[in-house]
């Protein structure tokens, strides 16, 4: 799924004045939108891991990649061309991370 955050998005004026950057929470919102579009509405979503590596600027096109890694788990990547902007994991209710203690 591709997306662009417009320069007039309401999150941008305070983030940051003079050099707006798309906040990480907005990227995560788009990731969840992509998940819902592909897999419906999984219950009890959690984000046990998310890393933000590079900023996204208003008007830039980004892509979301979702990879299922179990019945209720997905890994995501947000890229701008070849540049990785963010990555992490989404888990639906009832699923546990493999490395979590019992």
N, C-alpha and C. Protein backbone atom coordinates (compact mmCIF):
# COMPACT_ATOMS: atom_id res chain seq x y z
N UNK A 1 0.84 -1.17 0.00
CA UNK A 1 0.00 0.00 0.00
C UNK A 1 0.89 1.24 0.00
N UNK A 2 0.65 2.13 -0.90
CA UNK A 2 1.36 3.40 -0.96
C UNK A 2 0.53 4.49 -0.28
N UNK A 3 1.21 5.47 0.29
CA UNK A 3 0.50 6.60 0.87
C UNK A 3 1.39 7.84 0.85
N UNK A 4 0.73 8.99 0.95
CA UNK A 4 1.40 10.29 1.02
C UNK A 4 0.69 11.08 2.12
N UNK A 5 1.44 11.72 2.98
CA UNK A 5 0.88 12.63 3.98
C UNK A 5 1.01 14.04 3.40
N UNK A 6 -0.14 14.67 3.20
CA UNK A 6 -0.17 16.00 2.58
C UNK A 6 0.44 17.05 3.51
N UNK A 7 0.95 18.11 2.92
CA UNK A 7 1.60 19.19 3.69
C UNK A 7 0.63 19.91 4.62
N UNK A 8 -0.67 19.78 4.37
CA UNK A 8 -1.66 20.45 5.23
C UNK A 8 -2.27 19.51 6.28
N UNK A 9 -1.67 18.33 6.48
CA UNK A 9 -2.18 17.39 7.48
C UNK A 9 -2.13 18.06 8.86
N UNK A 10 -3.17 17.89 9.69
CA UNK A 10 -3.22 18.60 10.97
C UNK A 10 -2.13 18.23 11.97
N UNK A 11 -1.41 17.14 11.77
CA UNK A 11 -0.34 16.75 12.71
C UNK A 11 0.95 17.54 12.49
N UNK A 12 1.08 18.21 11.38
CA UNK A 12 2.38 18.78 11.01
C UNK A 12 2.75 20.13 11.62
N UNK A 13 1.82 21.05 11.88
CA UNK A 13 2.26 22.36 12.37
C UNK A 13 3.14 22.33 13.62
N UNK A 14 2.92 21.43 14.53
CA UNK A 14 3.75 21.38 15.74
C UNK A 14 4.85 20.35 15.69
N UNK A 15 5.06 19.73 14.54
CA UNK A 15 6.00 18.60 14.46
C UNK A 15 6.89 18.72 13.23
N UNK A 16 7.73 19.50 13.03
CA UNK A 16 8.29 20.54 13.86
C UNK A 16 8.22 21.85 13.10
N UNK A 17 8.00 22.97 13.77
CA UNK A 17 7.89 24.25 13.07
C UNK A 17 9.13 24.54 12.23
N UNK A 18 8.89 24.89 10.99
CA UNK A 18 9.99 25.21 10.07
C UNK A 18 10.55 24.01 9.33
N UNK A 19 10.38 22.81 9.84
CA UNK A 19 10.84 21.58 9.17
C UNK A 19 9.91 20.44 9.56
N UNK A 20 8.71 20.43 8.98
CA UNK A 20 7.74 19.40 9.38
C UNK A 20 8.19 17.99 9.02
N UNK A 21 7.98 17.09 9.98
CA UNK A 21 8.23 15.66 9.81
C UNK A 21 6.94 14.93 10.14
N UNK A 22 6.66 13.85 9.44
CA UNK A 22 5.48 13.06 9.73
C UNK A 22 5.74 12.29 11.03
N UNK A 23 4.90 12.46 12.05
CA UNK A 23 5.11 11.76 13.32
C UNK A 23 4.99 10.24 13.15
N UNK A 24 5.73 9.51 13.98
CA UNK A 24 5.70 8.06 13.94
C UNK A 24 4.31 7.49 14.14
N UNK A 25 3.51 8.13 14.98
CA UNK A 25 2.16 7.63 15.23
C UNK A 25 1.31 7.67 13.95
N UNK A 26 1.58 8.62 13.08
CA UNK A 26 0.85 8.69 11.81
C UNK A 26 1.29 7.55 10.89
N UNK A 27 2.58 7.24 10.89
CA UNK A 27 3.05 6.09 10.11
C UNK A 27 2.38 4.81 10.62
N UNK A 28 2.33 4.63 11.95
CA UNK A 28 1.71 3.44 12.51
C UNK A 28 0.22 3.37 12.19
N UNK A 29 -0.44 4.51 12.16
CA UNK A 29 -1.86 4.55 11.78
C UNK A 29 -2.04 4.02 10.36
N UNK A 30 -1.14 4.40 9.46
CA UNK A 30 -1.22 3.92 8.07
C UNK A 30 -0.92 2.42 7.99
N UNK A 31 0.01 1.94 8.82
CA UNK A 31 0.31 0.51 8.86
C UNK A 31 -0.94 -0.26 9.30
N UNK A 32 -1.62 0.21 10.33
CA UNK A 32 -2.84 -0.45 10.79
C UNK A 32 -3.94 -0.39 9.73
N UNK A 33 -4.04 0.72 9.01
CA UNK A 33 -5.00 0.81 7.90
C UNK A 33 -4.71 -0.26 6.85
N UNK A 34 -3.44 -0.44 6.53
CA UNK A 34 -3.05 -1.45 5.53
C UNK A 34 -3.37 -2.85 6.04
N UNK A 35 -3.11 -3.11 7.31
CA UNK A 35 -3.42 -4.41 7.90
C UNK A 35 -4.92 -4.69 7.80
N UNK A 36 -5.72 -3.72 8.17
CA UNK A 36 -7.18 -3.90 8.13
C UNK A 36 -7.67 -4.09 6.71
N UNK A 37 -7.08 -3.38 5.76
CA UNK A 37 -7.49 -3.52 4.36
C UNK A 37 -7.20 -4.92 3.82
N UNK A 38 -6.10 -5.53 4.27
CA UNK A 38 -5.72 -6.85 3.79
C UNK A 38 -6.31 -8.00 4.58
N UNK A 39 -6.49 -7.82 5.90
CA UNK A 39 -6.83 -8.94 6.77
C UNK A 39 -8.10 -8.72 7.59
N UNK A 40 -8.84 -7.68 7.31
CA UNK A 40 -10.04 -7.42 8.10
C UNK A 40 -9.69 -6.69 9.39
N UNK A 41 -10.49 -6.91 10.41
CA UNK A 41 -10.33 -6.20 11.68
C UNK A 41 -9.90 -7.18 12.78
N UNK A 42 -8.59 -7.48 12.87
CA UNK A 42 -8.12 -8.37 13.94
C UNK A 42 -8.39 -7.74 15.30
N UNK A 43 -8.74 -8.56 16.27
CA UNK A 43 -9.08 -8.06 17.61
C UNK A 43 -7.82 -7.84 18.45
N UNK A 44 -7.88 -6.81 19.30
CA UNK A 44 -6.85 -6.59 20.29
C UNK A 44 -5.45 -6.41 19.74
N UNK A 45 -5.26 -5.50 18.81
CA UNK A 45 -3.94 -5.33 18.20
C UNK A 45 -2.95 -4.69 19.18
N UNK A 46 -1.72 -5.21 19.13
CA UNK A 46 -0.61 -4.66 19.92
C UNK A 46 0.57 -4.44 18.98
N UNK A 47 1.42 -3.53 19.36
CA UNK A 47 2.66 -3.26 18.63
C UNK A 47 3.82 -3.50 19.59
N UNK A 48 4.24 -4.75 19.77
CA UNK A 48 5.30 -5.02 20.74
C UNK A 48 6.66 -4.48 20.31
N UNK A 49 6.80 -4.18 19.03
CA UNK A 49 8.08 -3.68 18.55
C UNK A 49 7.85 -2.73 17.39
N UNK A 50 8.49 -1.56 17.45
CA UNK A 50 8.47 -0.62 16.34
C UNK A 50 9.77 0.19 16.39
N UNK A 51 10.42 0.30 15.25
CA UNK A 51 11.66 1.08 15.14
C UNK A 51 11.47 2.13 14.05
N UNK A 52 11.87 3.34 14.33
CA UNK A 52 11.81 4.43 13.38
C UNK A 52 13.24 4.81 13.02
N UNK A 53 13.59 4.62 11.76
CA UNK A 53 14.98 4.76 11.33
C UNK A 53 15.27 6.05 10.58
N UNK A 54 14.31 6.52 9.81
CA UNK A 54 14.48 7.75 9.03
C UNK A 54 13.16 8.49 8.99
N UNK A 55 13.19 9.81 8.86
CA UNK A 55 11.93 10.56 8.82
C UNK A 55 11.26 10.51 7.44
N UNK A 56 9.96 10.67 7.47
CA UNK A 56 9.16 10.87 6.26
C UNK A 56 8.75 12.33 6.23
N UNK A 57 8.95 12.98 5.11
CA UNK A 57 8.57 14.37 4.96
C UNK A 57 7.22 14.47 4.28
N UNK A 58 6.46 15.53 4.56
CA UNK A 58 5.17 15.72 3.89
C UNK A 58 5.36 15.70 2.37
N UNK A 59 4.43 15.07 1.67
CA UNK A 59 4.47 15.02 0.22
C UNK A 59 5.28 13.87 -0.35
N UNK A 60 6.06 13.17 0.47
CA UNK A 60 6.83 12.02 -0.01
C UNK A 60 5.94 10.78 -0.03
N UNK A 61 6.17 9.93 -1.01
CA UNK A 61 5.42 8.67 -1.12
C UNK A 61 6.14 7.59 -0.34
N UNK A 62 5.39 6.87 0.48
CA UNK A 62 5.94 5.74 1.24
C UNK A 62 5.11 4.50 0.91
N UNK A 63 5.74 3.34 1.10
CA UNK A 63 5.09 2.06 0.86
C UNK A 63 5.08 1.26 2.15
N UNK A 64 4.01 0.49 2.33
CA UNK A 64 3.90 -0.40 3.48
C UNK A 64 3.95 -1.83 2.99
N UNK A 65 4.80 -2.63 3.62
CA UNK A 65 4.90 -4.06 3.33
C UNK A 65 4.49 -4.81 4.60
N UNK A 66 3.58 -5.76 4.46
CA UNK A 66 3.14 -6.59 5.57
C UNK A 66 3.46 -8.04 5.27
N UNK A 67 4.09 -8.73 6.21
CA UNK A 67 4.41 -10.14 6.05
C UNK A 67 3.82 -10.92 7.21
N UNK A 68 2.87 -11.83 6.94
CA UNK A 68 2.36 -12.66 8.03
C UNK A 68 3.44 -13.62 8.53
N UNK A 69 3.57 -13.73 9.84
CA UNK A 69 4.55 -14.64 10.43
C UNK A 69 3.87 -15.60 11.40
N UNK A 70 2.59 -15.72 11.28
CA UNK A 70 1.79 -16.61 12.12
C UNK A 70 0.34 -16.27 11.91
N UNK A 71 -0.54 -17.01 12.54
CA UNK A 71 -1.97 -16.77 12.32
C UNK A 71 -2.44 -15.40 12.81
N UNK A 72 -1.75 -14.82 13.77
CA UNK A 72 -2.16 -13.53 14.34
C UNK A 72 -0.97 -12.59 14.53
N UNK A 73 0.04 -12.73 13.67
CA UNK A 73 1.25 -11.90 13.77
C UNK A 73 1.69 -11.45 12.39
N UNK A 74 2.17 -10.22 12.31
CA UNK A 74 2.67 -9.67 11.05
C UNK A 74 3.91 -8.83 11.35
N UNK A 75 4.83 -8.85 10.43
CA UNK A 75 5.95 -7.90 10.46
C UNK A 75 5.64 -6.84 9.41
N UNK A 76 6.01 -5.61 9.73
CA UNK A 76 5.76 -4.52 8.78
C UNK A 76 7.04 -3.76 8.50
N UNK A 77 7.05 -3.16 7.32
CA UNK A 77 8.13 -2.27 6.90
C UNK A 77 7.48 -1.08 6.22
N UNK A 78 7.96 0.11 6.52
CA UNK A 78 7.55 1.33 5.83
C UNK A 78 8.78 1.84 5.11
N UNK A 79 8.68 1.96 3.78
CA UNK A 79 9.83 2.35 2.96
C UNK A 79 9.50 3.57 2.11
N UNK A 80 10.52 4.32 1.80
CA UNK A 80 10.46 5.39 0.81
C UNK A 80 11.45 4.98 -0.26
N UNK A 81 10.93 4.41 -1.35
CA UNK A 81 11.83 3.84 -2.35
C UNK A 81 12.59 2.69 -1.71
N UNK A 82 13.90 2.73 -1.74
CA UNK A 82 14.73 1.68 -1.14
C UNK A 82 15.07 1.96 0.33
N UNK A 83 14.71 3.15 0.82
CA UNK A 83 15.06 3.54 2.19
C UNK A 83 14.04 3.01 3.19
N UNK A 84 14.51 2.28 4.20
CA UNK A 84 13.65 1.79 5.27
C UNK A 84 13.42 2.92 6.28
N UNK A 85 12.16 3.27 6.48
CA UNK A 85 11.81 4.33 7.42
C UNK A 85 11.43 3.78 8.79
N UNK A 86 10.67 2.68 8.79
CA UNK A 86 10.20 2.10 10.04
C UNK A 86 9.95 0.62 9.84
N UNK A 87 10.05 -0.13 10.93
CA UNK A 87 9.74 -1.56 10.88
C UNK A 87 9.27 -1.99 12.25
N UNK A 88 8.64 -3.16 12.29
CA UNK A 88 8.18 -3.66 13.57
C UNK A 88 7.27 -4.85 13.42
N UNK A 89 6.51 -5.08 14.47
CA UNK A 89 5.67 -6.27 14.57
C UNK A 89 4.30 -5.87 15.11
N UNK A 90 3.26 -6.50 14.56
CA UNK A 90 1.89 -6.33 15.02
C UNK A 90 1.41 -7.70 15.47
N UNK A 91 0.75 -7.75 16.62
CA UNK A 91 0.24 -9.00 17.15
C UNK A 91 -1.23 -8.79 17.50
N UNK A 92 -2.09 -9.74 17.09
CA UNK A 92 -3.50 -9.69 17.44
C UNK A 92 -3.74 -10.43 18.75
N UNK A 93 -4.83 -10.13 19.41
CA UNK A 93 -5.20 -10.74 20.67
C UNK A 93 -5.08 -12.26 20.63
N UNK A 94 -4.51 -12.83 21.68
CA UNK A 94 -4.38 -14.29 21.75
C UNK A 94 -3.07 -14.81 21.21
N UNK A 95 -2.31 -13.99 20.48
CA UNK A 95 -1.02 -14.43 19.94
C UNK A 95 0.08 -13.95 20.89
N UNK A 96 1.12 -14.75 21.01
CA UNK A 96 2.26 -14.41 21.86
C UNK A 96 3.51 -14.33 21.02
N UNK A 97 4.42 -13.48 21.43
CA UNK A 97 5.73 -13.45 20.77
C UNK A 97 6.44 -14.75 21.08
N UNK A 98 7.16 -15.26 20.11
CA UNK A 98 7.87 -16.54 20.28
C UNK A 98 8.90 -16.49 21.40
N UNK A 99 9.48 -15.32 21.63
CA UNK A 99 10.53 -15.22 22.64
C UNK A 99 9.99 -14.81 24.01
N UNK A 100 8.67 -14.65 24.13
CA UNK A 100 8.10 -14.25 25.42
C UNK A 100 8.08 -15.44 26.37
N UNK A 101 8.36 -15.21 27.64
CA UNK A 101 8.32 -16.32 28.60
C UNK A 101 6.90 -16.83 28.77
N UNK A 102 6.76 -18.09 29.08
CA UNK A 102 5.43 -18.71 29.26
C UNK A 102 4.80 -18.25 30.56
